[in-house]
Amino acid sequence: MTVAEPVADTTQNDTGGSVPTGADAEIEELRKEIDRLDAEILDAILRRTEVSKRIGAARMAAGGPRIVYSREMAVLDRFAELGPEGRELAMMLLRLGRGRLGGR
């Protein structure tokens, strides 16, 4: 007769695999933290976009260019520490802040 080894309490994870139930609480807390961070990031992006549009409008009202490429390059450089995806993220933020170009 063989003795069965105890089976750990498990539950299905998002991909159909098993995760120990003790990990469920930690995963849930970490997901809540990600949700809070996502909300903060979204709020910051909305504020950044509004400020950027106001800067562009003020520059144009003063007869200056709508876009200052040296400033955009500085933003791209700052996000480069995240790698290629960081530069892509910076480009998305810059596009959001510019609004529609060319009056279309």
C-alpha atoms as a PDB file:
ATOM      1  CA  MET A   1       0.000   0.000   0.000  1.00  0.00           C
ATOM      2  CA  THR A   2       1.333   3.443  -0.891  1.00  0.00           C
ATOM      3  CA  VAL A   3       0.722   6.528   1.143  1.00  0.00           C
ATOM      4  CA  ALA A   4      -0.722   9.435  -0.807  1.00  0.00           C
ATOM      5  CA  GLU A   5       1.124  12.675  -0.433  1.00  0.00           C
ATOM      6  CA  PRO A   6      -0.933  15.603   0.796  1.00  0.00           C
ATOM      7  CA  VAL A   7      -2.284  17.747  -1.988  1.00  0.00           C
ATOM      8  CA  ALA A   8      -1.917  21.485  -1.521  1.00  0.00           C
ATOM      9  CA  ASP A   9      -5.047  23.584  -1.657  1.00  0.00           C
ATOM     10  CA  THR A  10      -5.118  25.003  -5.164  1.00  0.00           C
ATOM     11  CA  THR A  11      -7.397  27.075  -7.316  1.00  0.00           C
ATOM     12  CA  GLN A  12      -7.547  27.824 -11.031  1.00  0.00           C
ATOM     13  CA  ASN A  13      -5.644  30.885 -12.161  1.00  0.00           C
ATOM     14  CA  ASP A  14      -6.489  33.132 -15.104  1.00  0.00           C
ATOM     15  CA  THR A  15      -4.772  30.804 -17.573  1.00  0.00           C
ATOM     16  CA  GLY A  16      -6.423  27.637 -16.297  1.00  0.00           C
ATOM     17  CA  GLY A  17      -3.412  26.476 -14.279  1.00  0.00           C
ATOM     18  CA  SER A  18      -3.408  25.830 -10.574  1.00  0.00           C
ATOM     19  CA  VAL A  19      -2.217  28.363  -8.035  1.00  0.00           C
ATOM     20  CA  PRO A  20      -1.968  27.648  -4.320  1.00  0.00           C
ATOM     21  CA  THR A  21      -4.899  29.348  -2.585  1.00  0.00           C
ATOM     22  CA  GLY A  22      -2.520  31.077  -0.187  1.00  0.00           C
ATOM     23  CA  ALA A  23      -1.223  32.964  -3.205  1.00  0.00           C
ATOM     24  CA  ASP A  24      -4.734  34.116  -4.155  1.00  0.00           C
ATOM     25  CA  ALA A  25      -4.893  36.756  -1.445  1.00  0.00           C
ATOM     26  CA  GLU A  26      -1.467  38.107  -2.355  1.00  0.00           C
ATOM     27  CA  ILE A  27      -2.315  38.151  -6.062  1.00  0.00           C
ATOM     28  CA  GLU A  28      -5.593  39.932  -5.344  1.00  0.00           C
ATOM     29  CA  GLU A  29      -3.808  42.581  -3.249  1.00  0.00           C
ATOM     30  CA  LEU A  30      -1.176  43.078  -5.942  1.00  0.00           C
ATOM     31  CA  ARG A  31      -3.894  43.452  -8.581  1.00  0.00           C
ATOM     32  CA  LYS A  32      -5.611  46.052  -6.420  1.00  0.00           C
ATOM     33  CA  GLU A  33      -2.313  47.922  -6.183  1.00  0.00           C
ATOM     34  CA  ILE A  34      -1.943  47.791  -9.976  1.00  0.00           C
ATOM     35  CA  ASP A  35      -5.507  49.106 -10.333  1.00  0.00           C
ATOM     36  CA  ARG A  36      -4.675  52.013  -7.988  1.00  0.00           C
ATOM     37  CA  LEU A  37      -1.476  52.738  -9.895  1.00  0.00           C
ATOM     38  CA  ASP A  38      -3.338  52.601 -13.220  1.00  0.00           C
ATOM     39  CA  ALA A  39      -5.856  55.134 -11.896  1.00  0.00           C
ATOM     40  CA  GLU A  40      -3.012  57.439 -10.793  1.00  0.00           C
ATOM     41  CA  ILE A  41      -1.260  57.051 -14.151  1.00  0.00           C
ATOM     42  CA  LEU A  42      -4.460  57.803 -16.068  1.00  0.00           C
ATOM     43  CA  ASP A  43      -5.098  60.890 -13.945  1.00  0.00           C
ATOM     44  CA  ALA A  44      -1.518  62.076 -14.490  1.00  0.00           C
ATOM     45  CA  ILE A  45      -1.816  61.531 -18.256  1.00  0.00           C
ATOM     46  CA  LEU A  46      -5.045  63.530 -18.391  1.00  0.00           C
ATOM     47  CA  ARG A  47      -3.440  66.386 -16.423  1.00  0.00           C
ATOM     48  CA  ARG A  48      -0.281  66.245 -18.553  1.00  0.00           C
ATOM     49  CA  THR A  49      -2.329  66.361 -21.754  1.00  0.00           C
ATOM     50  CA  GLU A  50      -4.280  69.413 -20.587  1.00  0.00           C
ATOM     51  CA  VAL A  51      -1.129  71.266 -19.485  1.00  0.00           C
ATOM     52  CA  SER A  52       0.611  70.444 -22.763  1.00  0.00           C
ATOM     53  CA  LYS A  53      -2.321  71.757 -24.808  1.00  0.00           C
ATOM     54  CA  ARG A  54      -2.343  74.959 -22.759  1.00  0.00           C
ATOM     55  CA  ILE A  55       1.385  75.442 -23.366  1.00  0.00           C
ATOM     56  CA  GLY A  56       0.888  74.960 -27.116  1.00  0.00           C
ATOM     57  CA  ALA A  57      -2.001  77.433 -27.177  1.00  0.00           C
ATOM     58  CA  ALA A  58      -0.014  80.022 -25.200  1.00  0.00           C
ATOM     59  CA  ARG A  59       2.995  79.631 -27.494  1.00  0.00           C
ATOM     60  CA  MET A  60       0.856  80.029 -30.607  1.00  0.00           C
ATOM     61  CA  ALA A  61      -0.978  83.046 -29.142  1.00  0.00           C
ATOM     62  CA  ALA A  62       2.427  84.666 -28.627  1.00  0.00           C
ATOM     63  CA  GLY A  63       3.322  84.006 -32.271  1.00  0.00           C
ATOM     64  CA  GLY A  64       5.615  81.091 -31.519  1.00  0.00           C
ATOM     65  CA  PRO A  65       5.598  77.577 -32.895  1.00  0.00           C
ATOM     66  CA  ARG A  66       3.064  75.081 -31.643  1.00  0.00           C
ATOM     67  CA  ILE A  67       5.749  72.399 -31.216  1.00  0.00           C
ATOM     68  CA  VAL A  68       9.279  72.831 -29.877  1.00  0.00           C
ATOM     69  CA  TYR A  69      11.200  69.811 -31.099  1.00  0.00           C
ATOM     70  CA  SER A  70      14.113  70.275 -28.697  1.00  0.00           C
ATOM     71  CA  ARG A  71      11.636  69.983 -25.830  1.00  0.00           C
ATOM     72  CA  GLU A  72      10.089  66.866 -27.369  1.00  0.00           C
ATOM     73  CA  MET A  73      13.550  65.316 -27.752  1.00  0.00           C
ATOM     74  CA  ALA A  74      14.207  65.971 -24.059  1.00  0.00           C
ATOM     75  CA  VAL A  75      10.966  64.139 -23.192  1.00  0.00           C
ATOM     76  CA  LEU A  76      11.941  61.212 -25.435  1.00  0.00           C
ATOM     77  CA  ASP A  77      15.381  61.059 -23.822  1.00  0.00           C
ATOM     78  CA  ARG A  78      13.861  61.018 -20.338  1.00  0.00           C
ATOM     79  CA  PHE A  79      11.613  58.062 -21.210  1.00  0.00           C
ATOM     80  CA  ALA A  80      14.444  56.200 -22.975  1.00  0.00           C
ATOM     81  CA  GLU A  81      15.528  54.736 -19.634  1.00  0.00           C
ATOM     82  CA  LEU A  82      12.511  52.411 -20.034  1.00  0.00           C
ATOM     83  CA  GLY A  83      13.949  51.114 -23.309  1.00  0.00           C
ATOM     84  CA  PRO A  84      12.312  51.231 -26.747  1.00  0.00           C
ATOM     85  CA  GLU A  85       8.854  50.927 -25.201  1.00  0.00           C
ATOM     86  CA  GLY A  86       9.598  53.995 -23.086  1.00  0.00           C
ATOM     87  CA  ARG A  87      10.252  56.065 -26.182  1.00  0.00           C
ATOM     88  CA  GLU A  88       7.013  54.748 -27.710  1.00  0.00           C
ATOM     89  CA  LEU A  89       5.161  55.735 -24.541  1.00  0.00           C
ATOM     90  CA  ALA A  90       6.721  59.205 -24.704  1.00  0.00           C
ATOM     91  CA  MET A  91       5.616  59.571 -28.337  1.00  0.00           C
ATOM     92  CA  MET A  92       2.045  58.668 -27.366  1.00  0.00           C
ATOM     93  CA  LEU A  93       2.096  61.254 -24.580  1.00  0.00           C
ATOM     94  CA  LEU A  94       3.467  63.886 -26.946  1.00  0.00           C
ATOM     95  CA  ARG A  95       0.760  63.104 -29.526  1.00  0.00           C
ATOM     96  CA  LEU A  96      -1.942  63.361 -26.856  1.00  0.00           C
ATOM     97  CA  GLY A  97      -0.614  66.738 -25.764  1.00  0.00           C
ATOM     98  CA  ARG A  98      -0.419  68.147 -29.273  1.00  0.00           C
ATOM     99  CA  GLY A  99      -4.054  67.580 -30.052  1.00  0.00           C
ATOM    100  CA  ARG A 100      -5.048  67.692 -33.692  1.00  0.00           C
ATOM    101  CA  LEU A 101      -2.412  69.132 -35.992  1.00  0.00           C
ATOM    102  CA  GLY A 102      -3.138  70.795 -39.303  1.00  0.00           C
ATOM    103  CA  GLY A 103      -6.647  71.980 -38.434  1.00  0.00           C
ATOM    104  CA  ARG A 104      -8.284  68.689 -39.453  1.00  0.00           C
END
